[in-house]
Amino acid sequence: MSDSTETPLVSVVIPVYNAASTICETVDSVLRQTYQHTEIVIVNDGSTDETAAVLAQYGDRITVIHQSNAGLASARNTGCGAARGEFIALLDADDRCVPERIAVQVAVMQNFDNLVLCSTEFSSFDASGPISPRYARQYYSTLTRASEGANSLYAGHQEITVAGTVFPVHIGNVYKHLVFGNFIHPPTLLFSSQTPKLVGPFDESLGGQTDWEWIIRASRTGLCAYIDSPMLEYRISPAQMSSPSRRGLRALELLGVITKIGQADPDLAQSYGAKRRTQLGRLWLEAADSVSETEKIKALNRLTKSVFSYAHINLHTLRVLLKILMPHFLMRLVRQARGRDTKGNLIRR
């Protein structure tokens, strides 16, 4: 495959909420792209910090849309609706693109047929510096469980040359893999601006899992491409939506997605009945565990669904039941004996 000479406009859509400390790095990484025919559409989702003032410094180099705080899905929908480009690239307000990202993704979309989504590998960093040069397999358990990572999930394996550099590209119909867990990183996505019109907007009722559900809907309509080279630098911080503190809420959001998948594709839900029951049982157990010490009645109801509705029983089930039944003071004594604080963290001596 060779470089494409066409330069369609690409709209980079960035939702922002209270990201004054990181948004400049994000915007600057787009402005440094080797592919220059871009517009930057930023949706300021009701930020209460200095985000608006920081964005104003860029003048007409970016388009800023201000709206009342309505969440990630709403901000993505607003940005996609305002995009003028032939392609839309998603990006989060605390991540950074590598300079070649847009050029490589556009070349892939132009050179391979029937593609709906194009995503990429990504690296990771935090306030202290780099963490991993290839983070997708660590971040997504679906990739971890796959024997050969992305190679196991995408049927076709190609290469593309852009500006003299060869990039490996995996291509395939991954819908039936995605329904059991995401492995396409939303901030790395690039797709046709017609795709949201074809598959519908991001579902604003699904909280932090809105991206996964939308990706599933899109993947059902065609092939997905994965560029097996890091095109994004992913920032890890305690405040982000994927942090461990959101574990219980995340489980409930995932349950909402799985329910919607079953309603949209009952044949798939039936054909993968046992696997789907295991998935639902595990999530109800995780949701029970998250409130097992603070809301015991709610935890017991969730545990009951896991055990009796989905026949999900293992050692974790017994541990959660024990935490529900054990009085608070006794749980504190057990934790102290194990050298842990009230939140279960190791006590440093």
Protein backbone atom coordinates (compact mmCIF):
# COMPACT_ATOMS: atom_id res chain seq x y z
CA MET A 1 0.00 0.00 0.00
CA SER A 2 1.22 3.50 -0.81
CA ASP A 3 0.56 6.94 0.57
CA SER A 4 -2.72 8.52 -0.46
CA THR A 5 -2.57 11.94 -2.12
CA GLU A 6 -6.07 12.97 -1.14
CA THR A 7 -6.42 15.19 1.91
CA PRO A 8 -9.97 15.03 3.27
CA LEU A 9 -10.80 17.27 6.19
CA VAL A 10 -10.57 15.49 9.56
CA SER A 11 -12.52 16.83 12.55
CA VAL A 12 -10.84 16.06 15.87
CA VAL A 13 -13.60 16.04 18.51
CA ILE A 14 -12.50 16.63 22.12
CA PRO A 15 -14.99 16.70 25.04
CA VAL A 16 -13.64 18.76 27.94
CA TYR A 17 -14.69 18.96 31.56
CA ASN A 18 -12.45 20.74 34.08
CA ALA A 19 -9.30 19.93 32.11
CA ALA A 20 -7.50 23.27 32.33
CA SER A 21 -4.30 21.57 33.49
CA THR A 22 -4.07 19.11 30.55
CA ILE A 23 -6.02 20.49 27.59
CA CYS A 24 -3.10 22.50 26.18
CA GLU A 25 -0.97 19.38 25.80
CA THR A 26 -3.88 17.69 24.05
CA VAL A 27 -4.63 20.55 21.64
CA ASP A 28 -0.94 21.15 20.91
CA SER A 29 -0.51 17.48 19.98
CA VAL A 30 -3.22 17.90 17.31
CA LEU A 31 -1.72 21.13 16.03
CA ARG A 32 1.59 19.26 15.58
CA GLN A 33 0.08 16.56 13.37
CA THR A 34 1.93 15.83 10.13
CA TYR A 35 -1.55 15.71 8.55
CA GLN A 36 -2.55 19.38 8.57
CA HIS A 37 -6.01 19.37 6.97
CA THR A 38 -7.81 19.18 10.30
CA GLU A 39 -10.22 21.13 12.44
CA ILE A 40 -10.33 20.89 16.23
CA VAL A 41 -13.83 20.86 17.72
CA ILE A 42 -13.83 21.16 21.51
CA VAL A 43 -17.02 20.76 23.54
CA ASN A 44 -16.67 22.47 26.92
CA ASP A 45 -19.13 20.41 28.96
CA GLY A 46 -19.90 22.92 31.73
CA SER A 47 -16.38 23.21 33.13
CA THR A 48 -16.10 25.17 36.40
CA ASP A 49 -12.30 25.61 36.37
CA GLU A 50 -10.18 27.75 34.02
CA THR A 51 -10.83 25.57 30.95
CA ALA A 52 -12.73 28.27 29.03
CA ALA A 53 -9.99 30.86 29.57
CA VAL A 54 -7.27 28.40 28.52
CA LEU A 55 -9.15 27.51 25.33
CA ALA A 56 -9.74 31.19 24.48
CA GLN A 57 -5.96 31.61 24.09
CA TYR A 58 -6.05 29.49 20.91
CA GLY A 59 -8.33 31.94 19.10
CA ASP A 60 -9.60 30.76 15.74
CA ARG A 61 -7.21 27.80 15.59
CA ILE A 62 -9.90 25.78 17.36
CA THR A 63 -13.70 25.72 17.50
CA VAL A 64 -15.12 25.75 21.03
CA ILE A 65 -18.73 24.88 21.84
CA HIS A 66 -19.91 25.63 25.37
CA GLN A 67 -22.77 23.65 26.90
CA SER A 68 -24.17 22.94 30.34
CA ASN A 69 -22.68 19.86 31.97
CA ALA A 70 -24.41 16.84 30.44
CA GLY A 71 -21.74 14.13 30.43
CA LEU A 72 -19.36 12.46 28.01
CA ALA A 73 -21.97 11.02 25.64
CA SER A 74 -23.71 14.37 25.21
CA ALA A 75 -20.41 16.15 24.60
CA ARG A 76 -19.35 13.54 22.01
CA ASN A 77 -22.73 13.89 20.27
CA THR A 78 -22.46 17.68 20.22
CA GLY A 79 -18.95 17.52 18.79
CA CYS A 80 -19.80 14.95 16.12
CA GLY A 81 -22.87 16.98 15.14
CA ALA A 82 -20.76 20.10 14.65
CA ALA A 83 -17.94 18.35 12.76
CA ARG A 84 -17.45 19.46 9.15
CA GLY A 85 -14.89 16.85 8.17
CA GLU A 86 -15.19 13.74 6.05
CA PHE A 87 -13.64 11.85 8.97
CA ILE A 88 -14.01 12.28 12.73
CA ALA A 89 -11.20 11.48 15.16
CA LEU A 90 -12.01 11.12 18.84
CA LEU A 91 -9.64 12.37 21.52
CA ASP A 92 -9.89 12.90 25.28
CA ALA A 93 -8.87 16.10 27.00
CA ASP A 94 -5.96 14.60 28.94
CA ASP A 95 -4.34 12.44 26.22
CA ARG A 96 -1.81 13.28 23.48
CA CYS A 97 -1.61 12.20 19.84
CA VAL A 98 1.69 11.20 18.27
CA PRO A 99 2.43 13.43 15.24
CA GLU A 100 1.64 10.76 12.63
CA ARG A 101 -1.67 9.59 14.10
CA ILE A 102 -4.15 11.27 11.74
CA ALA A 103 -2.04 10.70 8.61
CA VAL A 104 -1.76 6.97 9.25
CA GLN A 105 -5.42 6.50 10.16
CA VAL A 106 -6.67 8.41 7.11
CA ALA A 107 -4.38 6.32 4.87
CA VAL A 108 -5.83 3.12 6.37
CA MET A 109 -9.42 4.28 5.87
CA GLN A 110 -8.69 5.27 2.26
CA ASN A 111 -6.72 2.16 1.28
CA PHE A 112 -8.86 -0.66 2.70
CA ASP A 113 -12.48 -1.36 1.76
CA ASN A 114 -15.56 -1.62 3.97
CA LEU A 115 -13.94 -0.12 7.07
CA VAL A 116 -16.23 1.37 9.70
CA LEU A 117 -13.78 2.08 12.53
CA CYS A 118 -10.03 2.56 12.73
CA SER A 119 -8.31 2.35 16.14
CA THR A 120 -4.70 2.04 17.28
CA GLU A 121 -2.34 0.73 19.93
CA PHE A 122 -1.48 3.30 22.63
CA SER A 123 1.21 3.99 25.21
CA SER A 124 0.63 5.23 28.77
CA PHE A 125 2.08 7.79 31.15
CA ASP A 126 1.27 9.52 34.43
CA ALA A 127 2.50 12.52 36.37
CA SER A 128 5.82 10.76 36.98
CA GLY A 129 6.51 9.95 33.34
CA PRO A 130 6.14 7.02 30.89
CA ILE A 131 4.58 3.77 32.12
CA SER A 132 4.30 1.44 29.14
CA PRO A 133 5.15 1.87 25.43
CA ARG A 134 2.34 -0.57 24.50
CA TYR A 135 -0.56 -0.42 26.97
CA ALA A 136 -3.60 -1.86 25.16
CA ARG A 137 -3.05 -5.44 26.29
CA GLN A 138 -2.56 -4.34 29.90
CA TYR A 139 -5.62 -2.08 29.83
CA TYR A 140 -8.12 -4.40 28.12
CA SER A 141 -8.65 -7.84 29.66
CA THR A 142 -10.13 -9.10 26.37
CA LEU A 143 -6.74 -8.57 24.74
CA THR A 144 -4.98 -10.10 27.75
CA ARG A 145 -7.05 -13.28 27.50
CA ALA A 146 -6.57 -13.57 23.72
CA SER A 147 -3.65 -15.92 23.09
CA GLU A 148 -2.02 -13.61 20.55
CA GLY A 149 -3.64 -10.31 21.51
CA ALA A 150 -5.11 -8.41 18.56
CA ASN A 151 -3.86 -11.13 16.18
CA SER A 152 -6.43 -13.47 17.70
CA LEU A 153 -9.35 -11.06 17.31
CA TYR A 154 -8.84 -9.65 13.80
CA ALA A 155 -8.88 -12.14 10.93
CA GLY A 156 -6.81 -10.18 8.41
CA HIS A 157 -3.26 -8.87 8.76
CA GLN A 158 -1.92 -6.20 6.39
CA GLU A 159 0.69 -3.46 6.21
CA ILE A 160 0.54 0.14 5.07
CA THR A 161 3.39 2.53 4.26
CA VAL A 162 2.99 6.18 5.24
CA ALA A 163 5.81 8.71 4.78
CA GLY A 164 8.29 5.87 4.35
CA THR A 165 7.32 4.01 7.54
CA VAL A 166 5.60 0.61 7.50
CA PHE A 167 2.72 0.12 9.93
CA PRO A 168 1.07 -3.28 10.68
CA VAL A 169 -2.72 -3.21 10.37
CA HIS A 170 -5.18 -5.87 11.61
CA ILE A 171 -8.60 -5.91 9.91
CA GLY A 172 -11.68 -7.97 10.67
CA ASN A 173 -15.29 -8.28 11.74
CA VAL A 174 -14.89 -8.08 15.52
CA TYR A 175 -18.51 -7.55 16.56
CA LYS A 176 -18.91 -10.98 18.19
CA HIS A 177 -15.71 -10.42 20.18
CA LEU A 178 -16.62 -6.90 21.29
CA VAL A 179 -19.93 -7.89 22.87
CA PHE A 180 -18.01 -9.72 25.61
CA GLY A 181 -15.64 -6.88 26.41
CA ASN A 182 -14.17 -3.83 24.75
CA PHE A 183 -10.67 -3.73 23.30
CA ILE A 184 -11.02 -0.72 20.97
CA HIS A 185 -9.72 2.36 22.79
CA PRO A 186 -12.19 5.23 22.13
CA PRO A 187 -9.66 8.12 22.11
CA THR A 188 -7.79 6.36 19.27
CA LEU A 189 -10.84 6.09 16.98
CA LEU A 190 -11.20 7.58 13.53
CA PHE A 191 -14.33 6.98 11.42
CA SER A 192 -16.41 8.45 8.62
CA SER A 193 -18.63 11.37 9.62
CA GLN A 194 -21.51 9.36 8.16
CA THR A 195 -21.13 6.62 10.77
CA PRO A 196 -22.95 8.42 13.63
CA LYS A 197 -25.80 9.13 11.21
CA LEU A 198 -25.91 5.45 10.25
CA VAL A 199 -25.69 3.82 13.69
CA GLY A 200 -27.12 6.59 15.85
CA PRO A 201 -25.65 8.84 18.58
CA PHE A 202 -23.82 7.87 21.75
CA ASP A 203 -26.36 6.67 24.34
CA GLU A 204 -26.49 9.30 27.09
CA SER A 205 -28.04 6.87 29.60
CA LEU A 206 -25.02 4.55 29.80
CA GLY A 207 -22.54 6.73 31.68
CA GLY A 208 -18.92 5.70 31.33
CA GLN A 209 -19.75 2.74 29.06
CA THR A 210 -21.36 4.80 26.31
CA ASP A 211 -18.27 4.44 24.10
CA TRP A 212 -18.22 0.64 24.30
CA GLU A 213 -21.91 0.35 23.41
CA TRP A 214 -21.53 2.73 20.46
CA ILE A 215 -18.46 0.85 19.21
CA ILE A 216 -20.46 -2.40 19.34
CA ARG A 217 -23.25 -0.84 17.28
CA ALA A 218 -20.80 0.51 14.72
CA SER A 219 -18.81 -2.74 14.46
CA ARG A 220 -21.98 -4.63 13.56
CA THR A 221 -22.16 -2.69 10.27
CA GLY A 222 -18.72 -3.48 8.81
CA LEU A 223 -15.02 -4.15 9.31
CA CYS A 224 -12.76 -2.62 11.93
CA ALA A 225 -9.05 -1.82 11.52
CA TYR A 226 -6.45 -1.78 14.29
CA ILE A 227 -3.07 -0.12 13.68
CA ASP A 228 -0.62 -2.13 15.77
CA SER A 229 1.59 0.85 16.56
CA PRO A 230 1.09 3.40 19.38
CA MET A 231 -0.64 6.48 17.98
CA LEU A 232 -1.84 7.89 21.32
CA GLU A 233 -0.23 8.68 24.67
CA TYR A 234 -2.82 7.79 27.32
CA ARG A 235 -2.69 9.67 30.62
CA ILE A 236 -3.37 7.67 33.79
CA SER A 237 -4.73 9.60 36.79
CA PRO A 238 -6.85 8.80 39.87
CA ALA A 239 -9.66 11.12 38.74
CA GLN A 240 -10.39 9.53 35.37
CA MET A 241 -13.58 7.60 34.62
CA SER A 242 -11.80 4.24 34.51
CA SER A 243 -10.29 4.61 38.00
CA PRO A 244 -10.79 1.76 40.56
CA SER A 245 -13.02 3.97 42.75
CA ARG A 246 -15.80 3.63 40.14
CA ARG A 247 -15.79 -0.19 40.21
CA GLY A 248 -19.39 -0.70 41.37
CA LEU A 249 -20.87 1.97 39.12
CA ARG A 250 -18.84 0.59 36.21
CA ALA A 251 -20.32 -2.89 36.78
CA LEU A 252 -23.86 -1.49 36.68
CA GLU A 253 -23.09 0.50 33.52
CA LEU A 254 -21.70 -2.64 31.88
CA LEU A 255 -24.87 -4.49 32.81
CA GLY A 256 -26.85 -1.75 31.06
CA VAL A 257 -24.79 -2.20 27.89
CA ILE A 258 -25.17 -6.00 27.90
CA THR A 259 -28.92 -5.67 28.36
CA LYS A 260 -29.12 -3.29 25.39
CA ILE A 261 -27.00 -5.63 23.25
CA GLY A 262 -29.38 -8.50 24.01
CA GLN A 263 -32.39 -6.41 23.06
CA ALA A 264 -30.77 -5.29 19.77
CA ASP A 265 -29.51 -8.75 18.81
CA PRO A 266 -31.55 -11.51 20.51
CA ASP A 267 -30.11 -14.17 18.19
CA LEU A 268 -26.60 -13.39 19.41
CA ALA A 269 -27.74 -13.39 23.04
CA GLN A 270 -29.28 -16.83 22.54
CA SER A 271 -26.37 -18.35 20.64
CA TYR A 272 -23.95 -17.31 23.37
CA GLY A 273 -26.34 -18.10 26.21
CA ALA A 274 -23.92 -19.78 28.65
CA LYS A 275 -21.12 -17.28 28.06
CA ARG A 276 -23.55 -14.38 28.44
CA ARG A 277 -24.92 -15.78 31.72
CA THR A 278 -21.39 -16.06 33.07
CA GLN A 279 -20.71 -12.47 32.05
CA LEU A 280 -23.89 -11.18 33.75
CA GLY A 281 -23.30 -13.24 36.88
CA ARG A 282 -19.74 -11.93 37.23
CA LEU A 283 -20.88 -8.31 36.87
CA TRP A 284 -23.68 -8.66 39.43
CA LEU A 285 -21.13 -10.18 41.82
CA GLU A 286 -18.76 -7.27 41.22
CA ALA A 287 -21.61 -4.81 41.82
CA ALA A 288 -22.45 -6.62 45.08
CA ASP A 289 -18.84 -6.57 46.25
CA SER A 290 -18.56 -2.81 45.69
CA VAL A 291 -21.22 -2.09 48.38
CA SER A 292 -20.80 -5.22 50.55
CA GLU A 293 -19.57 -3.21 53.54
CA THR A 294 -21.60 -0.02 53.15
CA GLU A 295 -25.04 -1.03 51.80
CA LYS A 296 -25.55 -4.61 52.88
CA ILE A 297 -29.18 -5.02 51.78
CA LYS A 298 -28.38 -3.72 48.31
CA ALA A 299 -25.30 -5.95 48.20
CA LEU A 300 -27.34 -9.00 49.20
CA ASN A 301 -29.91 -8.30 46.46
CA ARG A 302 -27.17 -8.06 43.85
CA LEU A 303 -25.47 -11.20 45.13
CA THR A 304 -28.80 -13.03 44.94
CA LYS A 305 -29.11 -12.09 41.26
CA SER A 306 -25.60 -13.33 40.58
CA VAL A 307 -26.21 -16.70 42.27
CA PHE A 308 -29.84 -17.50 41.55
CA SER A 309 -30.48 -15.74 38.23
CA TYR A 310 -27.15 -16.60 36.59
CA ALA A 311 -25.81 -19.55 38.65
CA HIS A 312 -22.50 -17.76 39.21
CA ILE A 313 -20.80 -19.28 42.27
CA ASN A 314 -17.10 -19.31 43.09
CA LEU A 315 -14.72 -18.37 45.91
CA HIS A 316 -15.33 -14.69 45.24
CA THR A 317 -19.04 -15.31 45.87
CA LEU A 318 -18.25 -16.72 49.30
CA ARG A 319 -15.92 -13.83 50.15
CA VAL A 320 -18.59 -11.29 49.23
CA LEU A 321 -21.21 -13.14 51.28
CA LEU A 322 -18.84 -13.15 54.25
CA LYS A 323 -18.29 -9.40 53.93
CA ILE A 324 -22.05 -8.82 53.82
CA LEU A 325 -22.70 -10.93 56.92
CA MET A 326 -19.73 -9.74 58.97
CA PRO A 327 -20.45 -6.76 61.29
CA HIS A 328 -18.49 -3.56 60.59
CA PHE A 329 -16.46 -3.71 63.82
CA LEU A 330 -15.39 -7.29 63.13
CA MET A 331 -14.37 -6.40 59.56
CA ARG A 332 -12.23 -3.56 60.94
CA LEU A 333 -10.51 -5.95 63.36
CA VAL A 334 -9.81 -8.45 60.58
CA ARG A 335 -8.33 -5.72 58.39
CA GLN A 336 -6.17 -4.37 61.18
CA ALA A 337 -4.85 -7.87 61.83
CA ARG A 338 -3.94 -8.09 58.12
CA GLY A 339 -2.24 -4.68 58.21
CA ARG A 340 -4.89 -2.83 56.17
CA ASP A 341 -6.89 0.36 56.73
CA THR A 342 -10.68 0.77 56.55
CA LYS A 343 -10.53 0.99 52.74
CA GLY A 344 -8.51 -2.20 52.41
CA ASN A 345 -5.23 -0.45 51.58
CA LEU A 346 -1.95 -1.68 53.07
CA ILE A 347 -0.85 0.33 56.11
CA ARG A 348 2.68 1.64 55.76
CA ARG A 349 4.71 1.20 58.94
